[in-house]
Amino acid sequence: MALKSGAGFFAKESYVVTLSMDGYETKKVNVECKLNGWYFGNILIGGIIGLLIIDPATGAMYRLDSKGMHMDLEASQKSTLKIIDLKDVPDSLKTSLVKLP
């Protein structure tokens, strides 16, 4: 998926990417746009129209920080509750059981 770098006339875009997968912690990553160094090439090549109108209007004056993203997700440490029948509880654990009201 391609993301736009411009958010309007002379405005840069920014994104928050959420990475999630079942059984893993969710991570959020900020993706910011920076001023494109080639924007100043308009002084030599594109002239004042490219510098003040075309690139600011199209978002070409900005560039995303990176072309892609790689992130390692950590397995979640969620505890689980398992309900079993009393007859399936080992005898060694039955003395530790507590009756709930």
C-alpha atoms as a PDB file:
ATOM      1  CA  MET A   1       0.000   0.000   0.000  1.00  0.00           C
ATOM      2  CA  ALA A   2       1.395   3.407  -0.946  1.00  0.00           C
ATOM      3  CA  LEU A   3       1.016   6.268   1.526  1.00  0.00           C
ATOM      4  CA  LYS A   4       0.707   9.926   0.538  1.00  0.00           C
ATOM      5  CA  SER A   5       3.448  12.223   1.806  1.00  0.00           C
ATOM      6  CA  GLY A   6       1.462  15.457   1.479  1.00  0.00           C
ATOM      7  CA  ALA A   7      -1.637  16.403   3.448  1.00  0.00           C
ATOM      8  CA  GLY A   8      -2.476  19.554   1.519  1.00  0.00           C
ATOM      9  CA  PHE A   9      -0.818  22.734   0.378  1.00  0.00           C
ATOM     10  CA  PHE A  10       2.532  23.016   2.257  1.00  0.00           C
ATOM     11  CA  ALA A  11       1.320  20.386   4.783  1.00  0.00           C
ATOM     12  CA  LYS A  12       3.102  17.087   5.430  1.00  0.00           C
ATOM     13  CA  GLU A  13       1.293  13.866   6.286  1.00  0.00           C
ATOM     14  CA  SER A  14       1.967  11.660   9.307  1.00  0.00           C
ATOM     15  CA  TYR A  15       0.733   8.179  10.125  1.00  0.00           C
ATOM     16  CA  VAL A  16       0.447   5.788  13.057  1.00  0.00           C
ATOM     17  CA  VAL A  17       0.826   2.190  11.917  1.00  0.00           C
ATOM     18  CA  THR A  18      -0.586  -0.468  14.263  1.00  0.00           C
ATOM     19  CA  LEU A  19       0.971  -3.928  14.033  1.00  0.00           C
ATOM     20  CA  SER A  20      -0.987  -6.752  15.637  1.00  0.00           C
ATOM     21  CA  MET A  21      -1.347 -10.495  15.473  1.00  0.00           C
ATOM     22  CA  ASP A  22      -3.206 -12.996  17.648  1.00  0.00           C
ATOM     23  CA  GLY A  23      -1.040 -14.130  20.560  1.00  0.00           C
ATOM     24  CA  TYR A  24       1.382 -11.184  20.263  1.00  0.00           C
ATOM     25  CA  GLU A  25       1.644  -7.729  21.826  1.00  0.00           C
ATOM     26  CA  THR A  26       0.340  -4.893  19.650  1.00  0.00           C
ATOM     27  CA  LYS A  27       2.863  -2.206  18.662  1.00  0.00           C
ATOM     28  CA  LYS A  28       2.267   1.269  17.235  1.00  0.00           C
ATOM     29  CA  VAL A  29       4.851   3.000  15.066  1.00  0.00           C
ATOM     30  CA  ASN A  30       4.840   6.674  14.051  1.00  0.00           C
ATOM     31  CA  VAL A  31       5.715   7.313  10.411  1.00  0.00           C
ATOM     32  CA  GLU A  32       6.634  10.918   9.647  1.00  0.00           C
ATOM     33  CA  CYS A  33       7.271  12.711   6.366  1.00  0.00           C
ATOM     34  CA  LYS A  34      10.400  14.825   6.001  1.00  0.00           C
ATOM     35  CA  LEU A  35      11.242  17.625   3.604  1.00  0.00           C
ATOM     36  CA  ASN A  36      12.488  16.128   0.322  1.00  0.00           C
ATOM     37  CA  GLY A  37      15.977  17.407  -0.503  1.00  0.00           C
ATOM     38  CA  TRP A  38      15.128  17.396  -4.206  1.00  0.00           C
ATOM     39  CA  TYR A  39      12.446  20.011  -3.495  1.00  0.00           C
ATOM     40  CA  PHE A  40      15.177  22.656  -3.560  1.00  0.00           C
ATOM     41  CA  GLY A  41      16.155  21.457  -7.045  1.00  0.00           C
ATOM     42  CA  ASN A  42      13.177  23.520  -8.192  1.00  0.00           C
ATOM     43  CA  ILE A  43      15.372  26.579  -7.812  1.00  0.00           C
ATOM     44  CA  LEU A  44      17.522  25.278 -10.681  1.00  0.00           C
ATOM     45  CA  ILE A  45      15.133  23.061 -12.657  1.00  0.00           C
ATOM     46  CA  GLY A  46      11.471  23.755 -11.916  1.00  0.00           C
ATOM     47  CA  GLY A  47      11.615  27.425 -11.170  1.00  0.00           C
ATOM     48  CA  ILE A  48       9.348  29.356  -8.885  1.00  0.00           C
ATOM     49  CA  ILE A  49       6.209  27.517 -10.101  1.00  0.00           C
ATOM     50  CA  GLY A  50       7.600  24.155  -8.937  1.00  0.00           C
ATOM     51  CA  LEU A  51       8.907  25.655  -5.698  1.00  0.00           C
ATOM     52  CA  LEU A  52       5.772  27.494  -4.613  1.00  0.00           C
ATOM     53  CA  ILE A  53       2.869  25.779  -6.405  1.00  0.00           C
ATOM     54  CA  ILE A  54       3.354  22.318  -7.924  1.00  0.00           C
ATOM     55  CA  ASP A  55       5.411  20.502  -5.265  1.00  0.00           C
ATOM     56  CA  PRO A  56       3.521  21.988  -2.263  1.00  0.00           C
ATOM     57  CA  ALA A  57       0.148  21.167  -3.853  1.00  0.00           C
ATOM     58  CA  THR A  58       1.053  17.597  -4.888  1.00  0.00           C
ATOM     59  CA  GLY A  59       2.980  16.661  -1.723  1.00  0.00           C
ATOM     60  CA  ALA A  60       6.183  16.107  -3.729  1.00  0.00           C
ATOM     61  CA  MET A  61       8.068  18.431  -1.393  1.00  0.00           C
ATOM     62  CA  TYR A  62       7.868  15.718   1.316  1.00  0.00           C
ATOM     63  CA  ARG A  63       9.114  12.155   1.489  1.00  0.00           C
ATOM     64  CA  LEU A  64       8.279   9.326   3.903  1.00  0.00           C
ATOM     65  CA  ASP A  65      11.080   8.313   6.278  1.00  0.00           C
ATOM     66  CA  SER A  66      11.317   4.788   4.886  1.00  0.00           C
ATOM     67  CA  LYS A  67      10.089   2.614   2.035  1.00  0.00           C
ATOM     68  CA  GLY A  68       9.137  -0.270   4.307  1.00  0.00           C
ATOM     69  CA  MET A  69       8.922  -1.406   7.874  1.00  0.00           C
ATOM     70  CA  HIS A  70      10.108  -4.428   9.829  1.00  0.00           C
ATOM     71  CA  MET A  71       9.140  -4.997  13.446  1.00  0.00           C
ATOM     72  CA  ASP A  72       9.495  -8.040  15.692  1.00  0.00           C
ATOM     73  CA  LEU A  73       6.401  -8.637  17.802  1.00  0.00           C
ATOM     74  CA  GLU A  74       6.737 -10.180  21.244  1.00  0.00           C
ATOM     75  CA  ALA A  75       4.527 -13.049  22.354  1.00  0.00           C
ATOM     76  CA  SER A  76       1.891 -11.856  24.791  1.00  0.00           C
ATOM     77  CA  GLN A  77       2.096 -13.000  28.388  1.00  0.00           C
ATOM     78  CA  LYS A  78      -1.640 -13.317  28.874  1.00  0.00           C
ATOM     79  CA  SER A  79      -2.611 -15.935  31.408  1.00  0.00           C
ATOM     80  CA  THR A  80      -5.381 -18.314  30.491  1.00  0.00           C
ATOM     81  CA  LEU A  81      -8.122 -19.855  32.528  1.00  0.00           C
ATOM     82  CA  LYS A  82      -8.922 -23.473  31.916  1.00  0.00           C
ATOM     83  CA  ILE A  83     -12.051 -25.017  33.413  1.00  0.00           C
ATOM     84  CA  ILE A  84     -11.949 -28.748  33.981  1.00  0.00           C
ATOM     85  CA  ASP A  85     -14.257 -31.266  35.607  1.00  0.00           C
ATOM     86  CA  LEU A  86     -13.522 -32.103  39.269  1.00  0.00           C
ATOM     87  CA  LYS A  87     -13.029 -35.758  38.396  1.00  0.00           C
ATOM     88  CA  ASP A  88     -10.155 -34.726  36.053  1.00  0.00           C
ATOM     89  CA  VAL A  89      -8.216 -32.901  38.805  1.00  0.00           C
ATOM     90  CA  PRO A  90      -5.238 -34.980  39.989  1.00  0.00           C
ATOM     91  CA  ASP A  91      -5.515 -36.221  43.581  1.00  0.00           C
ATOM     92  CA  SER A  92      -2.317 -34.361  44.529  1.00  0.00           C
ATOM     93  CA  LEU A  93      -4.018 -31.026  43.725  1.00  0.00           C
ATOM     94  CA  LYS A  94      -7.426 -31.712  45.282  1.00  0.00           C
ATOM     95  CA  THR A  95      -6.210 -30.650  48.741  1.00  0.00           C
ATOM     96  CA  SER A  96      -5.413 -27.179  47.335  1.00  0.00           C
ATOM     97  CA  LEU A  97      -8.897 -26.599  45.973  1.00  0.00           C
ATOM     98  CA  VAL A  98     -11.071 -23.879  47.498  1.00  0.00           C
ATOM     99  CA  LYS A  99     -14.861 -24.053  47.322  1.00  0.00           C
ATOM    100  CA  LEU A 100     -16.459 -20.834  46.093  1.00  0.00           C
ATOM    101  CA  PRO A 101     -19.751 -19.652  47.577  1.00  0.00           C
END
